[in-house]
Amino acid sequence: MLVSLLKKTGLKLSLNDPRWGNRKDDGQKAQEGKKPGEGPPDLDQIWRDFNQRLNAFFGQKNRPDNGGNNNNNGGGNGGGQRPDMKGAGITAGVVGGIAVLIWLASGAFIVQEGQNGVVLTFGKYSHTTPAGFNWRWPYPFQTDETVNVSQVRTVEVGYRDSLRNKQTGESLMLTDDENIIDIQFAVQYTLKSPVDWLFQNRDQEDTLRQVAETAIREVVGRSKMDFVLYEGREKVAYETQQLMQQILDRYKVGAVITNVTMQAVQPPEQVQAAFDDAVKAGQDRERQKNEGQAYANDVIPKARGAAFRLLEEAEAYKAMVTENAEGNASRFKQVLVEYQKAPGVTRDRMYLDTMQQVFTSASKVMVDAKTGSNLLYLPLDKLIAQTAAADATAAAARTPATPAATTTLPQDAMPSVEVNSRRERSSSRERESR
């Protein structure tokens, strides 16, 4: 604004001005031994020219001095005109007003979206401003700080920037079974209270790293090594996140833990080879145990099924024998009652039934004994064929899964036929005698 005023008044403060520093008469310059235009600028004359132009701009006239001689080139001997003090006061007031406006305007500030502004009065917290255009009292009364509350920040524990850049002092920790384990993980967080973040702790990132290290050491110290290495990674990360949030709330850090990511979980490098061998041995043991369990699961049910089948067959045979014996006893009692009523008829009936059963399962040859012929004809070929067919049928019925064996005619087949014929003759004689 002061520059624009100078432009309107036409005042030029340039080093290229030919009058710059040329305010002494030539005689005096000659006495000093200097050429015209050389030497320092005449600041008094510059101030007088500035006042005159400001007075002309605001409609003020110079008050004449020394008989009304309006000479702008007054020398150092007091022959020139004095500057108007009233005009100088007006000029100072304008300049002061402009300076005050500029000072007040310096209190305006803009807070971006996703950020919060914190206003301090003489270094003490005053209030928090939202996103947008805001104003505060200028310095030195008030100051402001902008905090990004939507940014997801990350703290690395056990490494820096890369997993190869390990920090062994942070990554090595002791498990519940007294084994050393190497863990690198990252913690992601956002801010929920910019005031706590700025004023409750001095080094916020270092505080978060120490809290993360403390929390995971406590969680790992309660767990076994195999649990942390394999199936318990997610649980360890979750418990670490919960414990960190509790500690941060107690410390009033003003941060919210959003995620804990396990980057690397492994035994120390010095024992990595031995640990790999132990892991392989454990895997072999588990594989053999699984194979043995699979074999047991295959054999034991079969043996139990076979035992159960044998028990059921024994129970069935027992029931069959018992029922048959009871049925035979009951039938015998019933036959005894009938026999006592008619003994002769009962004997004949029993004889006929018995002979029917015998002749049904045996080959029969009818011989006429009354002819008195000495020549006896027996169809041996048909008898042998019938006997072979009967034996094959009986063998197939007994063992259906095995092929039927070839039945051969025994050498004593002929005597058995003769015995049968003799039995038939004796039975016919007994019937005739009755």
Protein backbone atom coordinates (compact mmCIF):
# COMPACT_ATOMS: atom_id res chain seq x y z
CA MET A 1 0.00 0.00 0.00
CA LEU A 2 2.91 2.34 0.74
CA VAL A 3 4.35 1.54 -2.66
CA SER A 4 1.09 2.47 -4.38
CA LEU A 5 1.02 5.79 -2.48
CA LEU A 6 4.53 6.55 -3.61
CA LYS A 7 3.53 5.82 -7.17
CA LYS A 8 0.55 8.19 -6.94
CA THR A 9 2.66 11.02 -5.47
CA GLY A 10 5.22 10.56 -8.21
CA LEU A 11 8.16 10.29 -5.85
CA LYS A 12 11.05 8.35 -7.33
CA LEU A 13 13.62 6.87 -5.06
CA SER A 14 15.92 5.40 -7.63
CA LEU A 15 19.65 5.19 -7.73
CA ASN A 16 19.46 6.28 -11.38
CA ASP A 17 18.00 9.65 -10.40
CA PRO A 18 20.47 12.34 -11.61
CA ARG A 19 19.69 14.39 -8.52
CA TRP A 20 20.62 11.51 -6.19
CA GLY A 21 23.26 12.94 -3.92
CA ASN A 22 23.58 16.14 -6.03
CA ARG A 23 22.26 18.70 -3.52
CA LYS A 24 25.34 20.77 -2.84
CA ASP A 25 26.49 23.72 -4.91
CA ASP A 26 29.29 23.36 -7.37
CA GLY A 27 31.59 25.62 -5.41
CA GLN A 28 31.34 23.52 -2.32
CA LYS A 29 31.85 20.32 -4.32
CA ALA A 30 34.85 21.84 -5.95
CA GLN A 31 36.23 22.69 -2.55
CA GLU A 32 35.78 19.10 -1.47
CA GLY A 33 37.56 17.92 -4.55
CA LYS A 34 34.69 15.79 -5.84
CA LYS A 35 32.93 15.75 -9.13
CA PRO A 36 29.18 16.50 -9.45
CA GLY A 37 26.99 13.43 -8.85
CA GLU A 38 29.51 11.74 -6.60
CA GLY A 39 29.23 11.16 -2.83
CA PRO A 40 26.45 9.97 -0.52
CA PRO A 41 22.83 11.02 -1.15
CA ASP A 42 21.36 14.07 0.62
CA LEU A 43 18.78 12.44 2.91
CA ASP A 44 17.41 15.75 4.16
CA GLN A 45 16.54 16.84 0.66
CA ILE A 46 14.94 13.50 -0.10
CA TRP A 47 12.78 13.81 3.01
CA ARG A 48 11.74 17.32 2.05
CA ASP A 49 10.81 16.24 -1.48
CA PHE A 50 8.79 13.39 -0.08
CA ASN A 51 6.87 15.68 2.29
CA GLN A 52 6.15 18.18 -0.44
CA ARG A 53 4.74 15.59 -2.78
CA LEU A 54 2.58 14.13 -0.02
CA ASN A 55 1.25 17.60 0.82
CA ALA A 56 0.51 18.25 -2.83
CA PHE A 57 -1.32 14.90 -3.03
CA PHE A 58 -3.50 15.68 -0.01
CA GLY A 59 -4.14 19.33 -1.05
CA GLN A 60 -1.83 20.93 1.49
CA LYS A 61 0.39 23.91 0.77
CA ASN A 62 3.76 24.66 2.16
CA ARG A 63 3.93 27.44 4.70
CA PRO A 64 6.41 30.14 3.40
CA ASP A 65 9.45 30.82 5.44
CA ASN A 66 11.94 33.78 5.32
CA GLY A 67 9.80 36.25 3.39
CA GLY A 68 7.91 33.73 1.33
CA ASN A 69 10.88 32.49 -0.61
CA ASN A 70 9.85 29.07 -1.86
CA ASN A 71 13.22 27.71 -2.85
CA ASN A 72 13.55 23.95 -2.83
CA ASN A 73 17.28 24.06 -3.16
CA GLY A 74 18.09 25.53 0.26
CA GLY A 75 21.62 24.96 1.38
CA GLY A 76 23.02 24.03 4.72
CA ASN A 77 23.28 27.75 5.65
CA GLY A 78 19.56 28.02 6.58
CA GLY A 79 18.52 29.87 3.43
CA GLY A 80 16.07 27.08 2.41
CA GLN A 81 12.42 26.47 3.51
CA ARG A 82 11.61 24.21 6.51
CA PRO A 83 9.30 21.24 5.86
CA ASP A 84 5.66 21.54 6.93
CA MET A 85 5.36 19.75 10.27
CA LYS A 86 1.57 19.38 9.93
CA GLY A 87 1.93 17.58 6.63
CA ALA A 88 4.59 15.41 8.11
CA GLY A 89 2.21 14.41 10.95
CA ILE A 90 -0.54 13.51 8.48
CA THR A 91 1.90 11.45 6.50
CA ALA A 92 3.08 9.61 9.60
CA GLY A 93 -0.54 8.89 10.56
CA VAL A 94 -1.31 7.45 7.14
CA VAL A 95 1.79 5.32 7.20
CA GLY A 96 0.97 4.18 10.74
CA GLY A 97 -2.60 3.29 9.73
CA ILE A 98 -1.33 1.28 6.80
CA ALA A 99 1.12 -0.49 9.08
CA VAL A 100 -1.68 -1.30 11.55
CA LEU A 101 -3.84 -2.73 8.77
CA ILE A 102 -0.96 -4.85 7.57
CA TRP A 103 -0.32 -6.01 11.14
CA LEU A 104 -3.98 -6.96 11.63
CA ALA A 105 -4.07 -8.73 8.28
CA SER A 106 -1.13 -10.88 9.36
CA GLY A 107 -3.46 -12.61 11.84
CA ALA A 108 -5.44 -14.31 9.08
CA PHE A 109 -4.59 -17.95 8.28
CA ILE A 110 -6.15 -20.81 6.32
CA VAL A 111 -6.56 -24.37 7.61
CA GLN A 112 -6.73 -27.07 4.92
CA GLU A 113 -9.32 -29.86 4.85
CA GLY A 114 -8.41 -32.72 7.17
CA GLN A 115 -6.42 -30.41 9.45
CA ASN A 116 -7.08 -28.50 12.67
CA GLY A 117 -5.63 -25.18 13.72
CA VAL A 118 -4.44 -24.65 17.31
CA VAL A 119 -4.33 -21.01 18.48
CA LEU A 120 -1.95 -20.02 21.29
CA THR A 121 -2.24 -16.82 23.35
CA PHE A 122 1.17 -15.80 24.67
CA GLY A 123 2.26 -19.45 24.24
CA LYS A 124 -0.73 -20.92 26.08
CA TYR A 125 -3.46 -22.94 24.39
CA SER A 126 -6.51 -20.83 23.58
CA HIS A 127 -8.81 -22.70 21.19
CA THR A 128 -8.95 -25.01 18.17
CA THR A 129 -10.15 -23.84 14.76
CA PRO A 130 -11.75 -26.01 12.05
CA ALA A 131 -10.80 -26.18 8.39
CA GLY A 132 -11.26 -22.97 6.39
CA PHE A 133 -10.39 -19.27 6.73
CA ASN A 134 -9.66 -18.19 10.31
CA TRP A 135 -8.31 -15.12 12.10
CA ARG A 136 -6.41 -14.60 15.31
CA TRP A 137 -4.68 -11.70 16.99
CA PRO A 138 -1.35 -11.09 15.26
CA TYR A 139 2.03 -11.70 16.75
CA PRO A 140 3.10 -11.30 19.55
CA PHE A 141 -0.34 -11.74 21.09
CA GLN A 142 -1.36 -14.98 19.42
CA THR A 143 0.24 -17.66 17.24
CA ASP A 144 -1.16 -20.71 15.47
CA GLU A 145 -0.06 -24.23 14.59
CA THR A 146 -1.65 -26.54 12.04
CA VAL A 147 -2.01 -30.27 12.78
CA ASN A 148 -3.02 -32.87 10.18
CA VAL A 149 -5.54 -35.18 11.91
CA SER A 150 -6.54 -37.24 8.84
CA GLN A 151 -3.07 -38.41 7.82
CA VAL A 152 -2.21 -42.05 8.55
CA ARG A 153 1.21 -42.00 10.18
CA THR A 154 3.56 -44.98 10.57
CA VAL A 155 6.09 -45.94 13.23
CA GLU A 156 8.56 -48.75 12.48
CA VAL A 157 9.82 -50.95 15.31
CA GLY A 158 12.77 -53.29 14.83
CA TYR A 159 13.83 -51.79 11.47
CA ARG A 160 14.12 -48.50 9.61
CA ASP A 161 12.81 -48.03 6.06
CA SER A 162 13.74 -51.62 5.06
CA LEU A 163 13.71 -55.03 6.73
CA ARG A 164 17.43 -55.35 6.00
CA ASN A 165 18.15 -52.32 8.15
CA LYS A 166 17.45 -54.10 11.42
CA GLN A 167 17.52 -52.57 14.88
CA THR A 168 18.47 -55.54 17.03
CA GLY A 169 17.96 -53.62 20.24
CA GLU A 170 14.27 -53.26 19.40
CA SER A 171 13.56 -56.52 17.53
CA LEU A 172 15.02 -59.18 19.86
CA MET A 173 12.71 -60.23 22.69
CA LEU A 174 12.15 -63.19 25.04
CA THR A 175 9.19 -65.59 24.91
CA ASP A 176 7.46 -67.43 27.74
CA ASP A 177 9.43 -70.65 27.09
CA GLU A 178 12.74 -68.70 27.37
CA ASN A 179 13.50 -68.53 23.66
CA ILE A 180 14.75 -65.44 21.81
CA ILE A 181 12.70 -64.29 18.83
CA ASP A 182 13.28 -61.55 16.24
CA ILE A 183 10.20 -59.44 15.36
CA GLN A 184 9.87 -56.44 13.04
CA PHE A 185 6.50 -54.72 12.82
CA ALA A 186 4.90 -51.42 11.83
CA VAL A 187 2.29 -49.39 13.70
CA GLN A 188 -0.17 -47.15 11.84
CA TYR A 189 -2.04 -44.43 13.71
CA THR A 190 -4.01 -41.20 13.31
CA LEU A 191 -4.53 -38.22 15.60
CA LYS A 192 -7.73 -37.71 17.57
CA SER A 193 -6.69 -34.74 19.75
CA PRO A 194 -4.25 -32.19 18.26
CA VAL A 195 -4.00 -30.40 21.62
CA ASP A 196 -2.77 -33.54 23.44
CA TRP A 197 -0.49 -34.35 20.53
CA LEU A 198 1.21 -30.94 20.72
CA PHE A 199 1.35 -30.22 24.44
CA GLN A 200 1.16 -33.48 26.44
CA ASN A 201 4.35 -35.08 25.09
CA ARG A 202 7.64 -33.74 23.83
CA ASP A 203 8.81 -36.30 21.25
CA GLN A 204 5.61 -37.94 20.02
CA GLU A 205 7.06 -40.39 17.48
CA ASP A 206 9.71 -41.65 19.89
CA THR A 207 7.03 -42.02 22.56
CA LEU A 208 4.90 -44.13 20.20
CA ARG A 209 7.87 -46.33 19.32
CA GLN A 210 8.68 -46.95 22.97
CA VAL A 211 5.02 -47.71 23.74
CA ALA A 212 4.88 -50.18 20.83
CA GLU A 213 8.05 -51.90 21.96
CA THR A 214 6.77 -52.16 25.53
CA ALA A 215 3.40 -53.57 24.47
CA ILE A 216 4.75 -56.25 22.15
CA ARG A 217 7.37 -57.37 24.65
CA GLU A 218 4.63 -57.91 27.20
CA VAL A 219 2.47 -59.87 24.75
CA VAL A 220 5.36 -62.02 23.48
CA GLY A 221 6.55 -62.64 27.04
CA ARG A 222 3.22 -64.33 27.78
CA SER A 223 3.31 -66.57 24.66
CA LYS A 224 5.22 -69.62 23.48
CA MET A 225 7.73 -69.38 20.65
CA ASP A 226 5.84 -71.70 18.29
CA PHE A 227 2.63 -69.79 18.91
CA VAL A 228 4.25 -66.47 17.97
CA LEU A 229 6.00 -67.91 14.91
CA TYR A 230 3.07 -69.73 13.34
CA GLU A 231 -0.57 -69.71 14.35
CA GLY A 232 -0.55 -66.77 16.79
CA ARG A 233 0.68 -63.86 14.66
CA GLU A 234 -2.70 -62.23 14.22
CA LYS A 235 -3.54 -62.63 17.89
CA VAL A 236 -0.21 -61.12 18.95
CA ALA A 237 -0.80 -58.13 16.65
CA TYR A 238 -4.33 -57.61 17.97
CA GLU A 239 -3.29 -57.81 21.63
CA THR A 240 -0.40 -55.42 20.95
CA GLN A 241 -2.77 -52.91 19.36
CA GLN A 242 -5.17 -53.04 22.31
CA LEU A 243 -2.40 -52.68 24.89
CA MET A 244 -0.80 -49.79 23.00
CA GLN A 245 -4.11 -47.93 22.88
CA GLN A 246 -4.54 -48.31 26.63
CA ILE A 247 -1.05 -46.96 27.32
CA LEU A 248 -1.47 -44.03 24.89
CA ASP A 249 -4.80 -43.06 26.46
CA ARG A 250 -3.17 -43.13 29.88
CA TYR A 251 -0.33 -40.92 28.63
CA LYS A 252 -2.78 -38.60 26.78
CA VAL A 253 -0.81 -38.74 23.54
CA GLY A 254 -3.90 -37.99 21.44
CA ALA A 255 -3.33 -40.81 18.91
CA VAL A 256 -5.50 -43.73 17.77
CA ILE A 257 -3.83 -46.99 16.70
CA THR A 258 -5.46 -48.17 13.47
CA ASN A 259 -3.34 -51.21 12.61
CA VAL A 260 -0.34 -53.28 13.74
CA THR A 261 1.33 -55.19 10.89
CA MET A 262 3.85 -57.98 11.50
CA GLN A 263 6.57 -57.60 8.87
CA ALA A 264 8.91 -60.43 9.92
CA VAL A 265 8.80 -62.98 12.75
CA GLN A 266 11.73 -65.39 12.93
CA PRO A 267 14.39 -66.77 15.27
CA PRO A 268 17.73 -64.94 15.51
CA GLU A 269 20.09 -65.25 12.57
CA GLN A 270 22.76 -66.97 14.68
CA VAL A 271 20.55 -70.02 15.30
CA GLN A 272 18.51 -69.96 12.09
CA ALA A 273 20.08 -73.14 10.65
CA ALA A 274 19.61 -75.15 13.86
CA PHE A 275 16.08 -73.89 14.15
CA ASP A 276 15.32 -74.99 10.57
CA ASP A 277 16.61 -78.50 11.39
CA ALA A 278 14.44 -78.63 14.48
CA VAL A 279 11.44 -77.52 12.46
CA LYS A 280 12.06 -80.21 9.85
CA ALA A 281 12.39 -82.87 12.56
CA GLY A 282 9.13 -81.71 14.09
CA GLN A 283 7.45 -81.85 10.70
CA ASP A 284 8.71 -85.41 10.15
CA ARG A 285 7.42 -86.41 13.56
CA GLU A 286 4.02 -84.95 12.82
CA ARG A 287 3.96 -86.68 9.42
CA GLN A 288 4.74 -90.08 10.95
CA LYS A 289 2.17 -89.55 13.66
CA ASN A 290 -0.41 -88.72 11.03
CA GLU A 291 0.48 -91.80 8.99
CA GLY A 292 0.20 -94.05 12.08
CA GLN A 293 -3.09 -92.45 13.00
CA ALA A 294 -4.39 -92.98 9.47
CA TYR A 295 -3.38 -96.68 9.59
CA ALA A 296 -5.04 -97.06 12.99
CA ASN A 297 -8.17 -95.37 11.70
CA ASP A 298 -8.22 -97.88 8.84
CA VAL A 299 -7.50 -101.09 10.80
CA ILE A 300 -9.31 -100.56 14.08
CA PRO A 301 -12.77 -99.97 12.58
CA LYS A 302 -12.38 -103.06 10.40
CA ALA A 303 -11.38 -105.21 13.38
CA ARG A 304 -14.23 -103.82 15.42
CA GLY A 305 -16.63 -104.52 12.56
CA ALA A 306 -15.37 -108.10 12.20
CA ALA A 307 -15.67 -108.68 15.95
CA PHE A 308 -19.16 -107.27 15.97
CA ARG A 309 -20.11 -109.48 13.00
CA LEU A 310 -18.80 -112.58 14.74
CA LEU A 311 -20.72 -111.70 17.88
CA GLU A 312 -23.88 -111.20 15.89
CA GLU A 313 -23.39 -114.48 14.04
CA ALA A 314 -22.81 -116.30 17.34
CA GLU A 315 -25.93 -114.76 18.80
CA ALA A 316 -27.88 -115.74 15.70
CA TYR A 317 -26.56 -119.33 15.83
CA LYS A 318 -27.36 -119.51 19.52
CA ALA A 319 -30.88 -118.30 18.91
CA MET A 320 -31.31 -120.72 15.99
CA VAL A 321 -30.13 -123.76 18.00
CA THR A 322 -32.22 -122.78 20.97
CA GLU A 323 -35.32 -122.29 18.87
CA ASN A 324 -34.79 -125.54 17.00
CA ALA A 325 -34.32 -127.48 20.24
CA GLU A 326 -37.39 -125.89 21.74
CA GLY A 327 -39.36 -126.58 18.54
CA ASN A 328 -38.23 -130.23 18.46
CA ALA A 329 -39.15 -130.66 22.11
CA SER A 330 -42.55 -129.12 21.52
CA ARG A 331 -43.11 -131.30 18.44
CA PHE A 332 -42.07 -134.41 20.36
CA LYS A 333 -44.54 -133.63 23.11
CA GLN A 334 -47.29 -133.14 20.57
CA VAL A 335 -46.37 -136.41 18.84
CA LEU A 336 -46.31 -138.18 22.21
CA VAL A 337 -49.83 -137.03 22.94
CA GLU A 338 -51.04 -138.29 19.56
CA TYR A 339 -49.13 -141.55 19.93
CA GLN A 340 -50.81 -142.24 23.23
CA LYS A 341 -54.15 -141.79 21.52
CA ALA A 342 -53.40 -144.13 18.51
CA PRO A 343 -50.02 -145.89 18.68
CA GLY A 344 -50.33 -147.93 15.47
CA VAL A 345 -51.47 -145.10 13.26
CA THR A 346 -48.83 -142.82 14.73
CA ARG A 347 -46.07 -145.37 14.07
CA ASP A 348 -47.13 -145.84 10.47
CA ARG A 349 -47.34 -142.13 9.91
CA MET A 350 -43.92 -141.58 11.41
CA TYR A 351 -42.50 -144.38 9.30
CA LEU A 352 -43.95 -143.00 6.11
CA ASP A 353 -42.66 -139.50 6.88
CA THR A 354 -39.21 -140.82 7.60
CA MET A 355 -39.07 -142.89 4.43
CA GLN A 356 -40.29 -139.92 2.44
CA GLN A 357 -37.44 -137.84 3.74
CA VAL A 358 -34.94 -140.60 3.07
CA PHE A 359 -36.13 -141.39 -0.45
CA THR A 360 -36.35 -137.72 -1.34
CA SER A 361 -32.60 -137.21 -0.88
CA ALA A 362 -31.50 -140.60 -2.23
CA SER A 363 -31.46 -142.38 -5.59
CA LYS A 364 -34.04 -145.17 -5.88
CA VAL A 365 -33.99 -148.40 -7.86
CA MET A 366 -37.10 -150.54 -7.98
CA VAL A 367 -36.45 -154.34 -8.12
CA ASP A 368 -39.12 -156.96 -8.66
CA ALA A 369 -38.13 -159.77 -6.28
CA LYS A 370 -41.12 -162.03 -7.12
CA THR A 371 -39.97 -162.88 -10.62
CA GLY A 372 -37.26 -165.07 -9.20
CA SER A 373 -34.84 -164.07 -11.94
CA ASN A 374 -31.15 -164.31 -11.14
CA LEU A 375 -30.27 -161.40 -13.44
CA LEU A 376 -30.41 -158.01 -11.75
CA TYR A 377 -30.10 -154.82 -13.86
CA LEU A 378 -28.99 -151.59 -12.18
CA PRO A 379 -28.69 -148.24 -14.14
CA LEU A 380 -25.28 -147.34 -12.71
CA ASP A 381 -24.59 -144.55 -15.25
CA LYS A 382 -27.70 -142.66 -14.26
CA LEU A 383 -27.01 -143.22 -10.57
CA ILE A 384 -23.48 -141.84 -10.91
CA ALA A 385 -24.69 -138.79 -12.85
CA GLN A 386 -27.37 -138.02 -10.27
CA THR A 387 -24.88 -138.41 -7.40
CA ALA A 388 -22.37 -136.07 -9.08
CA ALA A 389 -25.04 -133.41 -9.73
CA ALA A 390 -26.26 -133.61 -6.13
CA ASP A 391 -22.71 -133.25 -4.74
CA ALA A 392 -21.99 -130.23 -6.99
CA THR A 393 -25.20 -128.53 -5.94
CA ALA A 394 -24.42 -129.11 -2.26
CA ALA A 395 -20.85 -127.77 -2.65
CA ALA A 396 -22.07 -124.64 -4.46
CA ALA A 397 -24.61 -124.01 -1.74
CA ARG A 398 -21.98 -124.34 1.00
CA THR A 399 -19.30 -122.14 -0.68
CA PRO A 400 -20.88 -119.77 -3.20
CA ALA A 401 -17.73 -117.63 -3.62
CA THR A 402 -15.46 -120.55 -4.61
CA PRO A 403 -15.78 -122.39 -7.87
CA ALA A 404 -17.45 -125.78 -7.69
CA ALA A 405 -15.04 -128.65 -7.47
CA THR A 406 -15.25 -131.53 -9.87
CA THR A 407 -17.05 -134.44 -8.25
CA THR A 408 -15.74 -137.90 -9.00
CA LEU A 409 -17.43 -141.17 -8.38
CA PRO A 410 -15.97 -142.97 -5.33
CA GLN A 411 -14.79 -146.53 -5.68
CA ASP A 412 -17.28 -147.85 -3.11
CA ALA A 413 -20.30 -146.46 -4.98
CA MET A 414 -21.49 -149.97 -5.93
CA PRO A 415 -21.56 -151.36 -2.40
CA SER A 416 -23.58 -148.36 -1.22
CA VAL A 417 -26.19 -149.12 -3.87
CA GLU A 418 -26.32 -152.73 -2.74
CA VAL A 419 -26.72 -151.64 0.91
CA ASN A 420 -29.61 -149.41 -0.07
CA SER A 421 -31.27 -152.22 -1.94
CA ARG A 422 -30.84 -154.55 1.03
CA ARG A 423 -32.37 -151.95 3.37
CA GLU A 424 -35.35 -151.58 1.03
CA ARG A 425 -35.86 -155.33 0.97
CA SER A 426 -35.72 -155.64 4.74
CA SER A 427 -38.16 -152.80 5.18
CA SER A 428 -40.58 -154.34 2.68
CA ARG A 429 -40.39 -157.67 4.53
CA GLU A 430 -41.14 -155.98 7.83
CA ARG A 431 -44.23 -154.33 6.32
CA GLU A 432 -45.40 -157.65 4.97
CA SER A 433 -44.90 -159.30 8.37
CA ARG A 434 -47.13 -156.71 10.02
